[in-house]
Amino acid sequence: MTASVATLRRLLEQATLIGLRGTVTLAKFALALYTARYLGLAELGVYGLVAGALTIVPAVFGFGITDTISRQVVAVARAVAAPLVTTRLSLSMAVHLVGQPLAWLLNAALGEPVPWRLGIPVGLILFLDHLASDACDMLILRGRVFFANALLFLRHGLWPPLVIIAGLVFPATRNLDCLLYGWLASLVLTWLIIAVFVAGRGRWRAMRLDGRWLMQSLRASVPFHVKDISGVTSLYLDRFLISFFLGLELTGVYTFFWSVANVAHSLVVYGIVQARIAQLVEAARMIEAAAFKSLERRTQIEVTGWVAVLATGALVAMPILLPLLDRPLLQDYLPVFWIMLVATVMRVGADGYSFALLALHQDRAILVIAVAGAIGSALANVLLVPPLGIYGAALGYVLTSVGLLIARYACSRSAGDGLRARPEAVG
């Protein structure tokens, strides 16, 4: 009976997390439709570039340190964790405080290709969201999973409906400036809430910089940095090749299908697996093979169940959705979506085992697999896109995802079998 109650509670918690992530996804989708309808495609393009930058900037300028710190702040005293978290966030802050002024000087020297009225809010959005993303990662590692996801909802899920409603009620607000400043306002509010949280219970007293730890971590984080850059490359290279070989219309078809399929990946990986990273790290730290394998197996079973539900929902919903969009080209290439859905399911499994490798300190395996995945993705797309079009890109996605899944599963099995049943700290 107790086990059944615990399982039900865990499923309800997961449903809540997926619900928060799903609301964010729906809000972004609604904002894209609103922007295209009432602002214009150029404005939608600017929004898309900023949203893409929010993924690329942390990957390139995060230096992989989040993965390193994830094994050091789990289940330790606040006095130990707070300096590391403070130093981690300070690095991101320093990147923007140095990099953004240089970028604006270059912008001025080139004759202001990015107008200041857009550049200022965009710069602040990149700065505050990058820091907020890092802060939420730290909160998850410290066990504040629901608080972190509530902050995610605030900075990405709450403001789009408010901007849309304002635009529908007050036509004068239907412009890119109002959209960007609405976005910026949500980030300011997010940081006010974080500030209140840090001030509570004297948490701020434990904050200090640890330069020695930072230097050591930068060296130790090289594999993770390469992994992050490789991951971004393998995920976004295909659409550039499609654009080069096939044109923008088919690039749009591929991007649309990828975005819909990726919903399942985002909800499951970041709603379930990431929420378990602290538990995985703690289980691996105890070098208890049975406990780690049990937690990993339970996580993968739950992931499989949720991704099956979401993928089935997408499979059923897509034929209903496409006629409403009135884009015949999307309907002509519907089988591409089916292939991409298979690839996404494989990618969910692969990323699940990636967290296991992180917990097991398999840094070299993480690096080698990530680089091999990026190279394999590039080769598959170069070889398959010219003769098969976007079907080739979708097949390349499948091959890359399956390869990553097999490699990460094999490495995590091998490393997991090496754990010994005695309590001592890893690394």
Protein backbone atom coordinates (compact mmCIF):
# COMPACT_ATOMS: atom_id res chain seq x y z
CA MET A 1 0.00 0.00 0.00
CA THR A 2 2.82 2.38 0.92
CA ALA A 3 4.59 1.61 -2.38
CA SER A 4 1.39 2.32 -4.33
CA VAL A 5 0.93 5.67 -2.59
CA ALA A 6 4.57 6.60 -3.25
CA THR A 7 4.22 5.65 -6.92
CA LEU A 8 1.00 7.68 -7.26
CA ARG A 9 2.62 10.67 -5.58
CA ARG A 10 5.64 10.42 -7.89
CA LEU A 11 3.41 10.26 -10.97
CA LEU A 12 1.43 13.29 -9.78
CA GLU A 13 4.65 15.22 -9.25
CA GLN A 14 5.85 14.28 -12.71
CA ALA A 15 2.48 15.25 -14.23
CA THR A 16 2.73 18.64 -12.51
CA LEU A 17 6.24 19.23 -13.85
CA ILE A 18 5.23 18.15 -17.36
CA GLY A 19 2.15 20.36 -17.07
CA LEU A 20 4.31 23.39 -16.25
CA ARG A 21 6.64 22.60 -19.15
CA GLY A 22 3.69 21.97 -21.44
CA THR A 23 2.12 25.31 -20.54
CA VAL A 24 5.39 27.04 -21.42
CA THR A 25 5.47 25.25 -24.79
CA LEU A 26 1.86 26.18 -25.59
CA ALA A 27 2.51 29.79 -24.59
CA LYS A 28 5.50 30.00 -26.96
CA PHE A 29 3.46 28.44 -29.77
CA ALA A 30 0.59 30.89 -29.22
CA LEU A 31 3.04 33.80 -29.21
CA ALA A 32 4.52 32.64 -32.53
CA LEU A 33 1.04 32.54 -34.09
CA TYR A 34 0.16 35.97 -32.65
CA THR A 35 3.43 37.51 -33.87
CA ALA A 36 3.03 36.11 -37.37
CA ARG A 37 -0.59 37.28 -37.58
CA TYR A 38 -0.43 40.74 -36.02
CA LEU A 39 3.22 41.85 -36.10
CA GLY A 40 4.69 40.29 -39.23
CA LEU A 41 7.14 37.64 -40.34
CA ALA A 42 10.16 39.90 -39.87
CA GLU A 43 9.21 40.44 -36.22
CA LEU A 44 8.67 36.70 -35.85
CA GLY A 45 12.14 36.20 -37.27
CA VAL A 46 13.65 38.52 -34.64
CA TYR A 47 11.79 36.67 -31.89
CA GLY A 48 13.03 33.35 -33.28
CA LEU A 49 16.63 34.57 -33.37
CA VAL A 50 16.48 35.76 -29.77
CA ALA A 51 14.87 32.48 -28.65
CA GLY A 52 17.59 30.55 -30.48
CA ALA A 53 20.30 32.68 -28.88
CA LEU A 54 18.95 31.73 -25.45
CA THR A 55 19.93 28.14 -26.27
CA ILE A 56 23.22 28.83 -28.04
CA VAL A 57 24.71 31.40 -25.63
CA PRO A 58 24.61 29.16 -22.50
CA ALA A 59 26.02 26.25 -24.50
CA VAL A 60 28.94 28.25 -25.91
CA PHE A 61 29.63 30.56 -22.96
CA GLY A 62 28.67 28.22 -20.15
CA PHE A 63 32.04 26.50 -20.54
CA GLY A 64 30.53 23.19 -19.40
CA ILE A 65 30.81 24.15 -15.73
CA THR A 66 27.18 23.34 -14.94
CA ASP A 67 27.89 19.64 -15.51
CA THR A 68 30.98 19.82 -13.30
CA ILE A 69 29.25 21.61 -10.44
CA SER A 70 26.28 19.22 -10.62
CA ARG A 71 28.39 16.54 -8.93
CA GLN A 72 29.61 18.86 -6.17
CA VAL A 73 26.56 20.70 -4.79
CA VAL A 74 24.19 17.75 -4.36
CA ALA A 75 23.40 16.77 -0.75
CA VAL A 76 26.12 18.93 0.83
CA ALA A 77 25.88 21.71 3.39
CA ARG A 78 24.83 25.18 2.25
CA ALA A 79 28.18 26.57 3.36
CA VAL A 80 29.88 24.22 0.89
CA ALA A 81 27.45 24.67 -2.03
CA ALA A 82 26.80 28.43 -1.86
CA PRO A 83 30.32 29.60 -2.84
CA LEU A 84 30.36 27.23 -5.83
CA VAL A 85 26.91 28.39 -6.99
CA THR A 86 27.89 32.05 -6.52
CA THR A 87 31.08 31.55 -8.51
CA ARG A 88 29.20 29.72 -11.26
CA LEU A 89 26.70 32.55 -11.67
CA SER A 90 29.45 35.17 -11.47
CA LEU A 91 31.18 33.58 -14.45
CA SER A 92 28.04 33.96 -16.59
CA MET A 93 27.64 37.53 -15.39
CA ALA A 94 31.26 38.34 -16.28
CA VAL A 95 30.81 36.90 -19.79
CA HIS A 96 27.96 39.34 -20.46
CA LEU A 97 29.54 42.32 -18.73
CA VAL A 98 32.62 41.92 -20.92
CA GLY A 99 31.10 40.49 -24.09
CA GLN A 100 28.05 42.67 -24.54
CA PRO A 101 29.88 46.03 -24.50
CA LEU A 102 32.28 44.63 -27.11
CA ALA A 103 29.32 43.50 -29.22
CA TRP A 104 27.70 46.95 -29.03
CA LEU A 105 30.98 48.67 -29.95
CA LEU A 106 31.15 46.40 -33.00
CA ASN A 107 27.52 47.19 -33.79
CA ALA A 108 28.26 50.93 -33.67
CA ALA A 109 31.38 50.54 -35.81
CA LEU A 110 29.35 48.69 -38.46
CA GLY A 111 26.76 51.45 -38.65
CA GLU A 112 24.22 50.00 -36.21
CA PRO A 113 22.82 47.03 -38.17
CA VAL A 114 20.97 46.21 -34.93
CA PRO A 115 19.04 49.37 -33.91
CA TRP A 116 19.49 50.45 -30.30
CA ARG A 117 15.76 50.35 -29.58
CA LEU A 118 15.90 46.59 -30.14
CA GLY A 119 19.47 45.97 -29.07
CA ILE A 120 19.03 47.23 -25.52
CA PRO A 121 16.06 44.98 -24.55
CA VAL A 122 17.53 42.01 -26.44
CA GLY A 123 20.86 42.41 -24.63
CA LEU A 124 19.15 42.60 -21.25
CA ILE A 125 16.99 39.56 -22.08
CA LEU A 126 20.04 37.49 -23.01
CA PHE A 127 21.82 38.59 -19.83
CA LEU A 128 18.99 38.01 -17.35
CA ASP A 129 17.71 34.80 -18.94
CA HIS A 130 21.18 33.23 -19.11
CA LEU A 131 21.67 33.93 -15.40
CA ALA A 132 18.15 32.73 -14.59
CA SER A 133 18.73 29.50 -16.52
CA ASP A 134 21.92 28.85 -14.54
CA ALA A 135 20.15 29.70 -11.27
CA CYS A 136 17.33 27.26 -12.03
CA ASP A 137 19.85 24.51 -12.80
CA MET A 138 21.42 25.12 -9.39
CA LEU A 139 18.02 25.08 -7.67
CA ILE A 140 17.23 21.69 -9.23
CA LEU A 141 20.56 20.30 -8.03
CA ARG A 142 19.76 21.57 -4.54
CA GLY A 143 16.40 19.80 -4.57
CA ARG A 144 14.22 22.85 -5.35
CA VAL A 145 12.70 21.23 -8.44
CA PHE A 146 9.23 22.77 -8.26
CA PHE A 147 10.54 26.23 -7.41
CA ALA A 148 12.89 26.07 -10.42
CA ASN A 149 10.08 25.02 -12.75
CA ALA A 150 7.78 27.71 -11.36
CA LEU A 151 10.46 30.26 -12.22
CA LEU A 152 10.71 28.74 -15.71
CA PHE A 153 6.95 29.20 -16.12
CA LEU A 154 7.23 32.81 -14.96
CA ARG A 155 10.00 33.76 -17.37
CA HIS A 156 8.76 31.83 -20.41
CA GLY A 157 5.13 30.79 -19.90
CA LEU A 158 3.26 33.61 -18.18
CA TRP A 159 4.20 36.72 -20.15
CA PRO A 160 3.27 35.53 -23.70
CA PRO A 161 -0.48 35.27 -22.91
CA LEU A 162 -0.36 38.71 -21.25
CA VAL A 163 1.34 40.23 -24.30
CA ILE A 164 -1.18 38.55 -26.60
CA ILE A 165 -4.17 39.77 -24.57
CA ALA A 166 -2.75 43.29 -24.46
CA GLY A 167 -2.27 43.22 -28.23
CA LEU A 168 -5.79 41.99 -28.88
CA VAL A 169 -7.37 44.56 -26.55
CA PHE A 170 -5.06 47.50 -27.32
CA PRO A 171 -3.97 47.45 -31.00
CA ALA A 172 -1.32 50.10 -30.31
CA THR A 173 0.69 47.48 -28.39
CA ARG A 174 0.97 45.18 -31.41
CA ASN A 175 4.65 45.78 -32.00
CA LEU A 176 8.01 44.18 -31.35
CA ASP A 177 8.95 46.71 -28.67
CA CYS A 178 6.01 45.74 -26.44
CA LEU A 179 6.78 42.05 -26.96
CA LEU A 180 10.43 42.45 -25.96
CA TYR A 181 9.73 44.66 -22.96
CA GLY A 182 6.99 42.29 -21.78
CA TRP A 183 9.57 39.52 -21.95
CA LEU A 184 12.09 41.67 -20.10
CA ALA A 185 9.56 42.52 -17.37
CA SER A 186 9.03 38.82 -16.66
CA LEU A 187 12.78 38.36 -16.20
CA VAL A 188 13.03 41.32 -13.84
CA LEU A 189 10.18 39.85 -11.78
CA THR A 190 11.93 36.46 -11.81
CA TRP A 191 15.08 37.99 -10.38
CA LEU A 192 13.15 39.88 -7.72
CA ILE A 193 11.71 36.54 -6.56
CA ILE A 194 15.16 34.93 -6.62
CA ALA A 195 16.51 37.87 -4.58
CA VAL A 196 13.79 37.35 -1.95
CA PHE A 197 14.64 33.63 -1.87
CA VAL A 198 18.37 34.33 -1.40
CA ALA A 199 17.64 36.86 1.35
CA GLY A 200 15.47 34.34 3.21
CA ARG A 201 17.07 32.43 6.10
CA GLY A 202 20.29 34.35 5.60
CA ARG A 203 21.28 32.41 2.47
CA TRP A 204 23.18 35.45 1.18
CA ARG A 205 25.63 35.17 4.10
CA ALA A 206 27.16 32.02 2.57
CA MET A 207 27.74 33.66 -0.82
CA ARG A 208 31.35 34.27 -1.82
CA LEU A 209 33.65 33.76 -4.80
CA ASP A 210 36.04 30.83 -5.03
CA GLY A 211 38.58 31.65 -7.72
CA ARG A 212 40.64 28.53 -7.14
CA TRP A 213 37.63 26.30 -7.65
CA LEU A 214 36.75 28.20 -10.83
CA MET A 215 40.20 27.65 -12.36
CA GLN A 216 40.10 23.96 -11.50
CA SER A 217 36.56 23.61 -12.84
CA LEU A 218 37.34 25.34 -16.13
CA ARG A 219 40.01 22.73 -16.81
CA ALA A 220 37.80 19.85 -15.68
CA SER A 221 34.84 21.12 -17.73
CA VAL A 222 36.50 20.98 -21.15
CA PRO A 223 34.78 17.65 -22.07
CA PHE A 224 31.39 19.07 -21.11
CA HIS A 225 31.99 22.30 -23.02
CA VAL A 226 32.87 20.33 -26.14
CA LYS A 227 29.80 18.16 -25.53
CA ASP A 228 27.50 21.20 -25.31
CA ILE A 229 28.88 22.74 -28.51
CA SER A 230 28.70 19.38 -30.28
CA GLY A 231 25.10 18.96 -29.18
CA VAL A 232 24.07 22.37 -30.49
CA THR A 233 25.88 21.66 -33.77
CA SER A 234 24.25 18.27 -34.33
CA LEU A 235 20.78 19.64 -33.51
CA TYR A 236 20.85 22.68 -35.79
CA LEU A 237 23.16 21.68 -38.68
CA ASP A 238 20.49 19.77 -40.59
CA ARG A 239 18.25 22.79 -41.18
CA PHE A 240 21.14 24.82 -42.57
CA LEU A 241 21.97 22.02 -45.01
CA ILE A 242 18.31 21.78 -46.03
CA SER A 243 18.26 25.52 -46.61
CA PHE A 244 21.39 25.28 -48.76
CA PHE A 245 20.29 22.28 -50.85
CA LEU A 246 16.48 22.57 -50.88
CA GLY A 247 15.48 26.16 -50.10
CA LEU A 248 13.68 27.99 -47.33
CA GLU A 249 10.21 26.47 -47.80
CA LEU A 250 11.36 22.92 -47.11
CA THR A 251 13.52 24.25 -44.29
CA GLY A 252 10.32 25.64 -42.80
CA VAL A 253 8.58 22.27 -43.19
CA TYR A 254 11.45 20.46 -41.46
CA THR A 255 11.71 23.07 -38.68
CA PHE A 256 7.97 22.91 -38.00
CA PHE A 257 7.94 19.11 -37.72
CA TRP A 258 11.10 19.15 -35.60
CA SER A 259 9.60 21.73 -33.24
CA VAL A 260 6.41 19.72 -32.70
CA ALA A 261 8.29 16.45 -32.16
CA ASN A 262 10.75 18.18 -29.85
CA VAL A 263 7.93 19.02 -27.44
CA ALA A 264 7.96 15.40 -26.22
CA HIS A 265 11.72 15.56 -25.72
CA SER A 266 11.65 18.81 -23.77
CA LEU A 267 8.78 17.78 -21.51
CA VAL A 268 10.21 14.37 -20.61
CA VAL A 269 13.94 15.10 -20.42
CA TYR A 270 13.67 18.38 -18.54
CA GLY A 271 10.47 17.57 -16.68
CA ILE A 272 11.51 14.12 -15.41
CA VAL A 273 15.12 13.16 -16.04
CA GLN A 274 16.71 16.48 -15.09
CA ALA A 275 14.64 16.51 -11.92
CA ARG A 276 16.31 13.20 -10.98
CA ILE A 277 19.91 14.28 -11.56
CA ALA A 278 20.51 15.04 -7.88
CA GLN A 279 19.28 11.57 -6.88
CA LEU A 280 21.42 9.90 -9.55
CA VAL A 281 24.53 11.80 -8.42
CA GLU A 282 23.89 10.90 -4.79
CA ALA A 283 23.34 7.21 -5.62
CA ALA A 284 26.54 7.07 -7.67
CA ARG A 285 28.46 8.88 -4.93
CA MET A 286 27.68 6.02 -2.53
CA ILE A 287 29.13 3.52 -5.06
CA GLU A 288 26.13 1.26 -4.47
CA ALA A 289 25.52 -0.62 -7.72
CA ALA A 290 22.11 -2.00 -6.80
CA ALA A 291 20.74 1.37 -5.62
CA PHE A 292 22.00 3.24 -8.68
CA LYS A 293 20.71 0.65 -11.14
CA SER A 294 17.32 0.56 -9.42
CA LEU A 295 16.96 4.34 -9.65
CA GLU A 296 18.19 4.41 -13.24
CA ARG A 297 15.84 1.57 -14.25
CA ARG A 298 12.84 3.24 -12.59
CA THR A 299 13.66 6.54 -14.28
CA GLN A 300 13.93 4.93 -17.73
CA ILE A 301 10.64 3.05 -17.24
CA GLU A 302 8.85 6.27 -16.29
CA VAL A 303 10.50 8.12 -19.17
CA THR A 304 9.39 5.41 -21.59
CA GLY A 305 5.81 5.64 -20.36
CA TRP A 306 5.60 9.41 -20.60
CA VAL A 307 7.29 9.67 -23.99
CA ALA A 308 4.99 6.96 -25.36
CA VAL A 309 1.93 8.94 -24.22
CA LEU A 310 3.22 12.23 -25.64
CA ALA A 311 4.40 10.70 -28.93
CA THR A 312 1.05 8.97 -29.41
CA GLY A 313 -0.72 12.26 -28.73
CA ALA A 314 1.42 14.03 -31.32
CA LEU A 315 0.83 11.23 -33.82
CA VAL A 316 -2.94 11.56 -33.43
CA ALA A 317 -3.02 15.36 -33.27
CA MET A 318 -0.86 16.15 -36.30
CA PRO A 319 -3.31 15.01 -39.04
CA ILE A 320 -6.01 17.06 -37.27
CA LEU A 321 -3.82 20.15 -36.89
CA LEU A 322 -2.38 20.36 -40.41
CA PRO A 323 -5.63 21.12 -42.30
CA LEU A 324 -6.25 24.03 -39.90
CA LEU A 325 -2.92 25.58 -40.88
CA ASP A 326 -3.81 25.52 -44.58
CA ARG A 327 -0.25 24.67 -45.65
CA PRO A 328 -0.46 21.89 -48.28
CA LEU A 329 3.31 21.41 -48.25
CA LEU A 330 3.14 20.28 -44.63
CA GLN A 331 0.52 17.67 -45.48
CA ASP A 332 2.56 16.47 -48.45
CA TYR A 333 5.51 15.73 -46.17
CA LEU A 334 3.60 14.29 -43.20
CA PRO A 335 5.63 10.99 -43.31
CA VAL A 336 8.70 13.08 -42.45
CA PHE A 337 7.05 13.89 -39.13
CA TRP A 338 6.54 10.19 -38.38
CA ILE A 339 10.24 9.53 -38.97
CA MET A 340 11.24 12.49 -36.82
CA LEU A 341 8.97 11.28 -34.02
CA VAL A 342 10.86 7.98 -33.97
CA ALA A 343 14.14 9.89 -33.86
CA THR A 344 12.88 12.04 -30.99
CA VAL A 345 11.90 8.99 -28.92
CA MET A 346 15.40 7.56 -29.45
CA ARG A 347 16.93 10.92 -28.51
CA VAL A 348 14.95 11.02 -25.27
CA GLY A 349 16.43 7.65 -24.30
CA ALA A 350 19.93 8.77 -25.31
CA ASP A 351 19.73 11.96 -23.25
CA GLY A 352 18.41 9.99 -20.29
CA TYR A 353 21.55 7.85 -20.28
CA SER A 354 23.64 11.00 -20.74
CA PHE A 355 22.58 12.13 -17.24
CA ALA A 356 23.54 8.68 -15.93
CA LEU A 357 27.03 9.04 -17.44
CA LEU A 358 27.37 12.45 -15.80
CA ALA A 359 26.49 10.99 -12.40
CA LEU A 360 28.98 8.15 -12.94
CA HIS A 361 31.85 10.55 -13.77
CA GLN A 362 32.28 9.12 -17.27
CA ASP A 363 33.67 12.40 -18.61
CA ARG A 364 35.79 10.89 -21.36
CA ALA A 365 32.88 8.80 -22.63
CA ILE A 366 30.64 11.90 -22.61
CA LEU A 367 33.19 13.80 -24.69
CA VAL A 368 33.90 11.02 -27.20
CA ILE A 369 30.23 10.17 -27.73
CA ALA A 370 29.23 13.83 -28.17
CA VAL A 371 31.93 14.54 -30.73
CA ALA A 372 31.23 11.28 -32.56
CA GLY A 373 27.52 12.15 -32.59
CA ALA A 374 28.18 15.59 -34.09
CA ILE A 375 30.48 14.14 -36.76
CA GLY A 376 28.06 11.32 -37.50
CA SER A 377 25.14 13.75 -37.78
CA ALA A 378 27.09 15.95 -40.20
CA LEU A 379 28.13 12.98 -42.37
CA ALA A 380 24.62 11.51 -42.41
CA ASN A 381 23.09 14.82 -43.48
CA VAL A 382 25.73 15.54 -46.11
CA LEU A 383 25.30 12.07 -47.61
CA LEU A 384 21.49 11.76 -47.31
CA VAL A 385 20.06 15.26 -47.82
CA PRO A 386 21.17 15.79 -51.46
CA PRO A 387 19.64 12.53 -52.80
CA LEU A 388 16.67 12.16 -50.39
CA GLY A 389 15.79 15.73 -49.43
CA ILE A 390 14.19 16.28 -46.05
CA TYR A 391 13.54 12.54 -45.82
CA GLY A 392 17.32 12.18 -45.77
CA ALA A 393 17.61 14.73 -42.96
CA ALA A 394 14.95 12.88 -40.95
CA LEU A 395 16.72 9.55 -41.52
CA GLY A 396 20.01 11.14 -40.49
CA TYR A 397 18.31 12.31 -37.29
CA VAL A 398 17.16 8.74 -36.61
CA LEU A 399 20.61 7.25 -37.24
CA THR A 400 22.31 9.81 -35.00
CA SER A 401 19.80 9.34 -32.18
CA VAL A 402 20.01 5.55 -32.32
CA GLY A 403 23.81 5.70 -32.33
CA LEU A 404 23.86 8.00 -29.30
CA LEU A 405 21.37 5.78 -27.47
CA ILE A 406 23.39 2.60 -28.06
CA ALA A 407 26.72 4.22 -27.13
CA ARG A 408 25.45 5.90 -23.97
CA TYR A 409 23.53 2.81 -22.84
CA ALA A 410 26.60 0.59 -23.28
CA CYS A 411 28.88 3.00 -21.40
CA SER A 412 26.42 3.54 -18.55
CA ARG A 413 25.95 -0.24 -18.18
CA SER A 414 29.69 -0.80 -18.04
CA ALA A 415 30.28 2.02 -15.56
CA GLY A 416 27.28 1.01 -13.44
CA ASP A 417 28.59 -2.55 -13.15
CA GLY A 418 31.85 -1.12 -11.83
CA LEU A 419 30.21 0.39 -8.75
CA ARG A 420 31.01 -1.42 -5.53
CA ALA A 421 28.66 -1.97 -2.64
CA ARG A 422 30.50 0.16 -0.09
CA PRO A 423 29.90 3.80 0.92
CA GLU A 424 32.68 6.11 -0.16
CA ALA A 425 32.80 9.28 -2.20
CA VAL A 426 33.49 9.29 -5.92
CA GLY A 427 36.13 11.66 -7.23
